[in-house]
C-alpha atoms as a PDB file:
ATOM      1  CA  MET A   1     -29.576  22.399 -23.505  1.00  0.00           C
ATOM      2  CA  LEU A   2     -26.473  22.166 -21.286  1.00  0.00           C
ATOM      3  CA  LYS A   3     -24.243  24.742 -20.506  1.00  0.00           C
ATOM      4  CA  PRO A   4     -20.924  23.804 -18.639  1.00  0.00           C
ATOM      5  CA  ASP A   5     -18.686  25.625 -16.411  1.00  0.00           C
ATOM      6  CA  PRO A   6     -15.706  26.375 -18.943  1.00  0.00           C
ATOM      7  CA  LYS A   7     -13.124  24.881 -17.284  1.00  0.00           C
ATOM      8  CA  ASP A   8     -16.026  21.589 -17.620  1.00  0.00           C
ATOM      9  CA  PHE A   9     -16.329  22.094 -21.565  1.00  0.00           C
ATOM     10  CA  ALA A  10     -14.205  19.097 -22.606  1.00  0.00           C
ATOM     11  CA  GLU A  11     -16.378  16.875 -20.045  1.00  0.00           C
ATOM     12  CA  VAL A  12     -19.293  17.930 -21.345  1.00  0.00           C
ATOM     13  CA  VAL A  13     -18.612  17.510 -25.071  1.00  0.00           C
ATOM     14  CA  HIS A  14     -17.348  13.626 -24.035  1.00  0.00           C
ATOM     15  CA  LYS A  15     -20.140  12.894 -22.412  1.00  0.00           C
ATOM     16  CA  ILE A  16     -22.056  13.949 -25.615  1.00  0.00           C
ATOM     17  CA  VAL A  17     -19.610  12.521 -27.801  1.00  0.00           C
ATOM     18  CA  ARG A  18     -20.428   8.709 -25.679  1.00  0.00           C
ATOM     19  CA  MET A  19     -23.585   8.728 -26.494  1.00  0.00           C
ATOM     20  CA  ILE A  20     -23.761   9.250 -29.930  1.00  0.00           C
ATOM     21  CA  PRO A  21     -25.101   6.052 -30.952  1.00  0.00           C
ATOM     22  CA  GLN A  22     -22.856   3.419 -33.459  1.00  0.00           C
ATOM     23  CA  GLY A  23     -23.406   4.045 -37.089  1.00  0.00           C
ATOM     24  CA  ARG A  24     -24.530   7.801 -36.795  1.00  0.00           C
ATOM     25  CA  ALA A  25     -22.783  10.901 -36.298  1.00  0.00           C
ATOM     26  CA  THR A  26     -23.272  14.344 -35.696  1.00  0.00           C
ATOM     27  CA  SER A  27     -21.168  17.830 -35.827  1.00  0.00           C
ATOM     28  CA  TYR A  28     -18.780  20.114 -34.486  1.00  0.00           C
ATOM     29  CA  GLY A  29     -21.212  22.782 -34.407  1.00  0.00           C
ATOM     30  CA  ALA A  30     -24.344  20.800 -33.288  1.00  0.00           C
ATOM     31  CA  ILE A  31     -22.419  20.201 -30.112  1.00  0.00           C
ATOM     32  CA  ALA A  32     -21.112  23.339 -29.507  1.00  0.00           C
ATOM     33  CA  LYS A  33     -24.838  24.310 -29.742  1.00  0.00           C
ATOM     34  CA  ALA A  34     -26.213  21.676 -27.279  1.00  0.00           C
ATOM     35  CA  ILE A  35     -23.965  22.933 -24.905  1.00  0.00           C
ATOM     36  CA  GLY A  36     -25.106  26.609 -25.186  1.00  0.00           C
ATOM     37  CA  TYR A  37     -22.021  27.276 -27.312  1.00  0.00           C
ATOM     38  CA  PRO A  38     -22.889  28.055 -30.371  1.00  0.00           C
ATOM     39  CA  ASN A  39     -20.337  29.528 -31.417  1.00  0.00           C
ATOM     40  CA  MET A  40     -17.274  27.503 -29.956  1.00  0.00           C
ATOM     41  CA  SER A  41     -17.470  24.407 -32.500  1.00  0.00           C
ATOM     42  CA  ARG A  42     -14.128  24.437 -33.710  1.00  0.00           C
ATOM     43  CA  MET A  43     -13.394  24.428 -29.740  1.00  0.00           C
ATOM     44  CA  VAL A  44     -15.169  20.989 -29.501  1.00  0.00           C
ATOM     45  CA  GLY A  45     -12.710  20.150 -32.644  1.00  0.00           C
ATOM     46  CA  ARG A  46      -9.616  20.592 -30.607  1.00  0.00           C
ATOM     47  CA  VAL A  47     -11.580  18.573 -28.105  1.00  0.00           C
ATOM     48  CA  MET A  48     -11.570  15.906 -30.298  1.00  0.00           C
ATOM     49  CA  SER A  49      -8.861  15.959 -31.275  1.00  0.00           C
ATOM     50  CA  GLU A  50      -6.746  15.689 -28.324  1.00  0.00           C
ATOM     51  CA  CYS A  51      -9.421  12.990 -26.188  1.00  0.00           C
ATOM     52  CA  ASN A  52      -7.402  10.170 -26.864  1.00  0.00           C
ATOM     53  CA  SER A  53     -10.461   8.047 -28.094  1.00  0.00           C
ATOM     54  CA  ALA A  54      -8.222   4.502 -28.429  1.00  0.00           C
ATOM     55  CA  LYS A  55      -7.681   5.357 -24.852  1.00  0.00           C
ATOM     56  CA  ASN A  56     -10.653   6.559 -23.280  1.00  0.00           C
ATOM     57  CA  GLY A  57     -13.409   4.609 -25.230  1.00  0.00           C
ATOM     58  CA  ILE A  58     -14.784   8.360 -26.977  1.00  0.00           C
ATOM     59  CA  PRO A  59     -16.060   7.528 -30.639  1.00  0.00           C
ATOM     60  CA  ALA A  60     -13.953  10.868 -31.951  1.00  0.00           C
ATOM     61  CA  HIS A  61     -14.540   8.999 -35.310  1.00  0.00           C
ATOM     62  CA  ARG A  62     -18.058   9.776 -34.886  1.00  0.00           C
ATOM     63  CA  VAL A  63     -17.755  14.113 -35.383  1.00  0.00           C
ATOM     64  CA  VAL A  64     -17.318  15.529 -38.373  1.00  0.00           C
ATOM     65  CA  ASN A  65     -18.181  19.267 -39.535  1.00  0.00           C
ATOM     66  CA  SER A  66     -21.387  20.519 -40.711  1.00  0.00           C
ATOM     67  CA  GLY A  67     -21.285  18.999 -44.097  1.00  0.00           C
ATOM     68  CA  GLY A  68     -19.897  15.915 -43.360  1.00  0.00           C
ATOM     69  CA  VAL A  69     -16.845  15.853 -43.929  1.00  0.00           C
ATOM     70  CA  LEU A  70     -13.781  13.789 -42.141  1.00  0.00           C
ATOM     71  CA  SER A  71     -12.275  17.119 -41.517  1.00  0.00           C
ATOM     72  CA  GLY A  72     -10.801  15.616 -38.253  1.00  0.00           C
ATOM     73  CA  LYS A  73      -8.932  12.813 -39.563  1.00  0.00           C
ATOM     74  CA  GLY A  74      -5.062  13.944 -39.106  1.00  0.00           C
ATOM     75  CA  ALA A  75      -6.021  13.575 -35.278  1.00  0.00           C
ATOM     76  CA  PHE A  76      -6.413   9.551 -35.956  1.00  0.00           C
ATOM     77  CA  GLY A  77      -2.386   9.098 -36.644  1.00  0.00           C
ATOM     78  CA  ASN A  78      -3.409   7.234 -40.428  1.00  0.00           C
ATOM     79  CA  PRO A  79      -5.219   9.357 -42.628  1.00  0.00           C
ATOM     80  CA  GLY A  80      -7.649   5.983 -43.555  1.00  0.00           C
ATOM     81  CA  GLU A  81      -8.472   5.198 -39.718  1.00  0.00           C
ATOM     82  CA  MET A  82     -11.142   7.788 -38.955  1.00  0.00           C
ATOM     83  CA  GLN A  83     -13.202   6.745 -42.147  1.00  0.00           C
ATOM     84  CA  LYS A  84     -12.164   3.047 -41.766  1.00  0.00           C
ATOM     85  CA  LEU A  85     -13.800   3.299 -38.150  1.00  0.00           C
ATOM     86  CA  LEU A  86     -17.756   4.677 -39.499  1.00  0.00           C
ATOM     87  CA  GLU A  87     -17.389   2.284 -42.495  1.00  0.00           C
ATOM     88  CA  GLU A  88     -16.817  -0.851 -38.908  1.00  0.00           C
ATOM     89  CA  GLU A  89     -20.255   1.245 -38.337  1.00  0.00           C
ATOM     90  CA  GLY A  90     -21.652   0.665 -41.341  1.00  0.00           C
ATOM     91  CA  ILE A  91     -21.130   4.801 -42.488  1.00  0.00           C
ATOM     92  CA  ILE A  92     -20.337   5.013 -45.908  1.00  0.00           C
ATOM     93  CA  VAL A  93     -17.538   7.217 -46.827  1.00  0.00           C
ATOM     94  CA  VAL A  94     -16.337   9.032 -50.664  1.00  0.00           C
ATOM     95  CA  ASN A  95     -13.772  11.691 -50.929  1.00  0.00           C
ATOM     96  CA  ASP A  96     -13.560  11.975 -47.294  1.00  0.00           C
ATOM     97  CA  LYS A  97     -17.407  12.944 -46.922  1.00  0.00           C
ATOM     98  CA  ILE A  98     -20.117  11.066 -45.284  1.00  0.00           C
ATOM     99  CA  LYS A  99     -22.559   9.976 -47.968  1.00  0.00           C
ATOM    100  CA  ARG A 100     -26.375  10.381 -46.868  1.00  0.00           C
ATOM    101  CA  TRP A 101     -25.266  13.103 -44.559  1.00  0.00           C
ATOM    102  CA  LYS A 102     -28.986  14.152 -43.537  1.00  0.00           C
ATOM    103  CA  THR A 103     -29.623  10.240 -42.878  1.00  0.00           C
ATOM    104  CA  ILE A 104     -26.303   9.514 -40.524  1.00  0.00           C
ATOM    105  CA  PHE A 105     -26.351  12.980 -38.920  1.00  0.00           C
ATOM    106  CA  TRP A 106     -27.317  12.567 -34.926  1.00  0.00           C
ATOM    107  CA  ASP A 107     -29.007  15.792 -33.455  1.00  0.00           C
ATOM    108  CA  PRO A 108     -27.928  15.694 -29.718  1.00  0.00           C
ATOM    109  CA  ILE A 109     -30.200  18.736 -29.107  1.00  0.00           C
ATOM    110  CA  GLU A 110     -32.708  16.653 -30.596  1.00  0.00           C
ATOM    111  CA  GLU A 111     -32.019  13.219 -28.380  1.00  0.00           C
ATOM    112  CA  ILE A 112     -30.638  13.838 -25.877  1.00  0.00           C
ATOM    113  CA  LYS A 113     -31.689  15.842 -22.011  1.00  0.00           C
ATOM    114  CA  ILE A 114     -28.184  16.601 -20.208  1.00  0.00           C
END
């Protein structure tokens, strides 16, 4: 677990999101917990909505809510863009929810050492 200085919060969130393997996804809450702020999943969501993933190479489409729902799809401009990007990686999405979420879920606490 890494607890960043609050001013570095977005930078650390971006670092974790860049580590999510292609074809996998994680949740806002899992990222918040991994960086030592378990009650700040909404702040992770805000960071994701402002990251300009196309410009910065941050795969924000791989971050969803704790149930595997594409709750941040509005941040992609086109409401179908997030689903399209996930499906290009082999992730099946039905009714704005990732199928087989427990299999697709990538837990940053178990997978990374920051």
